[in-house]
Amino acid sequence: MSEQHEDFVAPDRSPHSPGEPVVVTDNDAATLALLEARAAAGHTDAAYALGTAYMLGRGVRSDRTLALHWYEKAHTHGHSSAAARIAAITGVRPADVVETLTAPAAAADADSLFRQAQQLEVGFQVEQDMTRAIALYNEAADLGHGQAQYALGMLTLGTRSDKAGVADAFRLLRMAALQEVPEAQYELGRLHAAGKGTTRNMAVAKAWYRKAAAHGHIGARRIMEARPWWRFW
């Protein structure tokens, strides 16, 4: 399998097309500068994306100290996937993480698989192995782990542009969104708004944005709070 990397997405994609992710590629200084500006301004997804860029060395020299810094920023602002990345780097989960899975045995197994997948994805204490990471994400996702479903959905969305790939990503993100993973709800809103993997439907997109916003997702909140000038008349 070819090497795979996840999209590094910022909440506001202007001047890019609506629904199109901002992706960091090698030597892409402009996109990194954009992410840094947004992350410094409190954009949760941008902080998480920047942490991943530094962790994987995409567009910058790999720097785990800076990766940890931006993941901690994302975690502070409520990004539910950031805690697992912090744990992968430090070996310790943030103290304020609350476990949400309910079936103790299955939850423990799924969470263990998810943690292993995270470590293999970023190459912490083990050699980076995306093929094995994806296999473990799949196992955790099959056990109902929402964060694994989200991670796998984003990896699929970032590496497969074919119709079947987008459909797979949509399915995984929807599963995670139904488990109240706010980042998945936000991404599902984007997919409905762009008509990717499904029929374009702004009403459904707004419903998912509203759910994500209710869980504190800053990007979704900004979308929901935006009002065209004519609505005030």
Protein backbone atom coordinates (compact mmCIF):
# COMPACT_ATOMS: atom_id res chain seq x y z
CA MET A 1 0.00 0.00 0.00
CA SER A 2 1.27 3.46 -0.79
CA GLU A 3 2.07 5.89 2.00
CA GLN A 4 -1.01 7.72 3.23
CA HIS A 5 -1.39 11.02 5.02
CA GLU A 6 -4.42 12.72 6.46
CA ASP A 7 -5.73 16.07 5.32
CA PHE A 8 -4.66 19.07 7.36
CA VAL A 9 -7.90 21.04 7.43
CA ALA A 10 -8.68 24.52 8.70
CA PRO A 11 -12.28 25.51 9.48
CA ASP A 12 -12.43 28.45 7.08
CA ARG A 13 -11.25 27.49 3.63
CA SER A 14 -11.50 30.86 1.88
CA PRO A 15 -10.21 31.61 -0.74
CA HIS A 16 -10.46 27.89 -1.57
CA SER A 17 -13.71 26.51 -2.94
CA PRO A 18 -16.45 25.80 -0.36
CA GLY A 19 -16.12 22.30 1.06
CA GLU A 20 -12.58 21.82 -0.27
CA PRO A 21 -9.99 21.01 2.42
CA VAL A 22 -6.79 22.97 2.87
CA VAL A 23 -4.07 20.34 2.46
CA VAL A 24 -0.45 20.74 3.45
CA THR A 25 1.91 19.32 0.86
CA ASP A 26 5.69 19.27 0.86
CA ASN A 27 7.26 22.75 0.79
CA ASP A 28 3.84 24.40 0.96
CA ALA A 29 4.84 27.45 2.99
CA ALA A 30 1.70 29.42 2.12
CA THR A 31 -0.67 26.78 3.51
CA LEU A 32 1.42 26.39 6.65
CA ALA A 33 1.39 30.14 7.21
CA LEU A 34 -2.39 30.10 6.78
CA LEU A 35 -2.76 27.29 9.30
CA GLU A 36 -0.47 29.03 11.80
CA ALA A 37 -2.47 32.25 11.57
CA ARG A 38 -5.75 30.42 12.10
CA ALA A 39 -4.40 28.23 14.88
CA ALA A 40 -3.00 31.26 16.69
CA ALA A 41 -6.43 32.87 16.38
CA GLY A 42 -8.05 29.91 18.14
CA HIS A 43 -9.21 27.77 15.22
CA THR A 44 -9.36 24.30 16.74
CA ASP A 45 -9.11 22.28 13.52
CA ALA A 46 -6.20 24.39 12.32
CA ALA A 47 -4.29 23.75 15.57
CA TYR A 48 -4.89 20.02 15.23
CA ALA A 49 -3.86 20.11 11.56
CA LEU A 50 -0.70 22.02 12.41
CA GLY A 51 0.16 19.51 15.12
CA THR A 52 -0.20 16.71 12.59
CA ALA A 53 1.92 18.57 10.04
CA TYR A 54 4.75 18.84 12.57
CA MET A 55 4.27 15.25 13.75
CA LEU A 56 4.46 13.75 10.26
CA GLY A 57 6.90 16.29 8.82
CA ARG A 58 4.53 17.41 6.07
CA GLY A 59 5.75 20.72 4.67
CA VAL A 60 7.99 21.25 7.71
CA ARG A 61 10.76 19.41 9.52
CA SER A 62 9.26 16.90 11.94
CA ASP A 63 9.19 18.44 15.44
CA ARG A 64 7.38 16.59 18.21
CA THR A 65 7.70 19.49 20.63
CA LEU A 66 5.80 21.77 18.27
CA ALA A 67 3.39 18.97 17.41
CA LEU A 68 2.60 18.55 21.10
CA HIS A 69 2.18 22.33 21.49
CA TRP A 70 -0.46 22.53 18.77
CA TYR A 71 -2.22 19.33 19.82
CA GLU A 72 -2.50 20.76 23.34
CA LYS A 73 -3.96 23.96 21.89
CA ALA A 74 -6.50 21.89 19.96
CA HIS A 75 -7.34 19.84 23.06
CA THR A 76 -7.82 22.98 25.17
CA HIS A 77 -10.36 24.21 22.63
CA GLY A 78 -12.25 20.91 22.64
CA HIS A 79 -10.89 18.89 19.71
CA SER A 80 -11.83 15.36 20.75
CA SER A 81 -9.09 13.62 18.73
CA ALA A 82 -6.25 15.71 20.16
CA ALA A 83 -6.12 13.83 23.47
CA ALA A 84 -5.14 10.61 21.73
CA ARG A 85 -2.33 12.39 19.86
CA ILE A 86 -1.06 13.94 23.10
CA ALA A 87 -1.08 10.49 24.69
CA ALA A 88 0.80 9.05 21.71
CA ILE A 89 3.55 11.65 22.12
CA THR A 90 3.81 11.79 25.92
CA GLY A 91 2.50 8.38 26.93
CA VAL A 92 -0.01 10.10 29.24
CA ARG A 93 -3.58 11.10 28.47
CA PRO A 94 -4.67 14.62 29.47
CA ALA A 95 -6.18 14.59 32.97
CA ASP A 96 -9.46 16.13 31.83
CA VAL A 97 -10.29 13.37 29.31
CA VAL A 98 -13.60 11.69 30.10
CA GLU A 99 -14.20 8.20 28.74
CA THR A 100 -17.44 7.99 26.73
CA LEU A 101 -17.59 4.36 25.58
CA THR A 102 -20.08 2.37 27.64
CA ALA A 103 -19.39 -1.37 27.16
CA PRO A 104 -16.34 -1.93 29.44
CA ALA A 105 -14.68 -4.93 27.75
CA ALA A 106 -15.34 -3.88 24.16
CA ALA A 107 -14.50 -0.27 25.02
CA ALA A 108 -11.15 -1.26 26.50
CA ASP A 109 -10.30 -3.40 23.47
CA ALA A 110 -11.38 -0.72 21.01
CA ASP A 111 -9.54 2.03 22.85
CA SER A 112 -6.38 -0.08 23.02
CA LEU A 113 -6.55 -0.73 19.27
CA PHE A 114 -7.15 2.96 18.65
CA ARG A 115 -4.14 3.97 20.76
CA GLN A 116 -1.92 1.47 18.94
CA ALA A 117 -3.15 2.78 15.60
CA GLN A 118 -2.36 6.33 16.66
CA GLN A 119 1.17 5.35 17.66
CA LEU A 120 1.78 3.52 14.40
CA GLU A 121 0.36 6.42 12.40
CA VAL A 122 2.67 9.01 13.97
CA GLY A 123 5.62 6.67 14.64
CA PHE A 124 5.75 7.10 18.41
CA GLN A 125 7.93 4.49 20.18
CA VAL A 126 7.45 2.25 17.13
CA GLU A 127 8.36 2.49 13.47
CA GLN A 128 5.69 4.35 11.51
CA ASP A 129 3.49 1.85 9.70
CA MET A 130 0.43 3.30 8.00
CA THR A 131 -0.72 -0.08 6.65
CA ARG A 132 -0.83 -1.57 10.15
CA ALA A 133 -2.29 1.63 11.61
CA ILE A 134 -5.18 1.54 9.15
CA ALA A 135 -5.78 -2.14 9.91
CA LEU A 136 -6.01 -1.36 13.64
CA TYR A 137 -8.24 1.65 13.01
CA ASN A 138 -10.51 -0.70 11.08
CA GLU A 139 -10.62 -3.16 13.96
CA ALA A 140 -11.44 -0.42 16.46
CA ALA A 141 -14.03 1.07 14.11
CA ASP A 142 -15.70 -2.34 13.75
CA LEU A 143 -15.96 -2.44 17.56
CA GLY A 144 -17.82 0.87 17.44
CA HIS A 145 -15.01 3.26 18.46
CA GLY A 146 -16.18 6.67 17.25
CA GLN A 147 -12.75 8.30 17.17
CA ALA A 148 -11.38 5.39 15.14
CA GLN A 149 -14.25 5.75 12.69
CA TYR A 150 -13.50 9.46 12.40
CA ALA A 151 -9.75 8.91 11.94
CA LEU A 152 -10.31 6.23 9.33
CA GLY A 153 -12.89 8.37 7.55
CA MET A 154 -10.49 11.32 7.35
CA LEU A 155 -7.63 9.13 6.15
CA THR A 156 -9.90 7.69 3.47
CA LEU A 157 -11.13 11.13 2.46
CA GLY A 158 -7.57 12.45 2.26
CA THR A 159 -6.15 9.62 0.19
CA ARG A 160 -8.98 8.42 -2.07
CA SER A 161 -10.79 10.76 -4.44
CA ASP A 162 -12.63 8.03 -6.36
CA LYS A 163 -16.37 7.65 -5.92
CA ALA A 164 -16.08 4.46 -3.85
CA GLY A 165 -13.45 6.05 -1.60
CA VAL A 166 -15.55 9.13 -0.93
CA ALA A 167 -18.54 6.89 -0.23
CA ASP A 168 -16.49 4.87 2.28
CA ALA A 169 -15.31 8.06 3.99
CA PHE A 170 -18.88 9.37 4.16
CA ARG A 171 -20.07 6.11 5.73
CA LEU A 172 -17.34 6.14 8.37
CA LEU A 173 -17.81 9.80 9.23
CA ARG A 174 -21.55 9.29 9.53
CA MET A 175 -20.99 6.39 11.95
CA ALA A 176 -18.72 8.59 14.05
CA ALA A 177 -21.10 11.54 13.85
CA LEU A 178 -23.94 9.39 15.16
CA GLN A 179 -21.71 8.65 18.16
CA GLU A 180 -21.53 12.38 18.84
CA VAL A 181 -17.94 12.92 17.66
CA PRO A 182 -18.12 16.67 16.91
CA GLU A 183 -15.33 16.71 14.31
CA ALA A 184 -17.16 13.98 12.39
CA GLN A 185 -20.42 15.93 12.60
CA TYR A 186 -18.62 19.00 11.22
CA GLU A 187 -17.03 17.03 8.38
CA LEU A 188 -20.38 15.41 7.56
CA GLY A 189 -21.87 18.88 7.32
CA ARG A 190 -19.11 19.84 4.88
CA LEU A 191 -19.75 16.76 2.76
CA HIS A 192 -23.49 17.47 2.58
CA ALA A 193 -22.78 21.11 1.74
CA ALA A 194 -20.37 20.13 -1.05
CA GLY A 195 -22.39 17.17 -2.31
CA LYS A 196 -19.48 14.76 -1.79
CA GLY A 197 -20.49 11.17 -1.15
CA THR A 198 -24.13 12.23 -1.04
CA THR A 199 -26.63 14.57 -2.68
CA ARG A 200 -25.94 18.22 -1.90
CA ASN A 201 -28.35 19.29 0.83
CA MET A 202 -27.76 22.51 2.75
CA ALA A 203 -30.56 21.79 5.24
CA VAL A 204 -28.92 18.51 6.27
CA ALA A 205 -25.51 20.19 6.30
CA LYS A 206 -26.85 22.85 8.65
CA ALA A 207 -28.33 20.18 10.93
CA TRP A 208 -24.92 18.51 11.27
CA TYR A 209 -23.19 21.86 11.78
CA ARG A 210 -25.71 22.60 14.51
CA LYS A 211 -24.95 19.30 16.26
CA ALA A 212 -21.20 19.93 16.07
CA ALA A 213 -21.67 23.49 17.34
CA ALA A 214 -23.70 22.18 20.29
CA HIS A 215 -20.65 20.08 21.24
CA GLY A 216 -18.45 23.16 21.13
CA HIS A 217 -16.88 22.78 17.69
CA ILE A 218 -15.57 26.26 16.91
CA GLY A 219 -15.65 25.93 13.12
CA ALA A 220 -19.28 24.81 13.24
CA ARG A 221 -20.15 27.60 15.64
CA ARG A 222 -18.70 30.18 13.28
CA ILE A 223 -20.75 28.77 10.41
CA MET A 224 -23.95 28.76 12.46
CA GLU A 225 -23.37 32.27 13.79
CA ALA A 226 -22.74 33.73 10.31
CA ARG A 227 -25.73 35.70 9.03
CA PRO A 228 -26.14 37.09 5.51
CA TRP A 229 -26.96 40.80 5.64
CA TRP A 230 -30.48 40.28 4.29
CA ARG A 231 -31.55 38.21 7.29
CA PHE A 232 -31.52 41.33 9.41
CA TRP A 233 -34.19 43.01 7.31
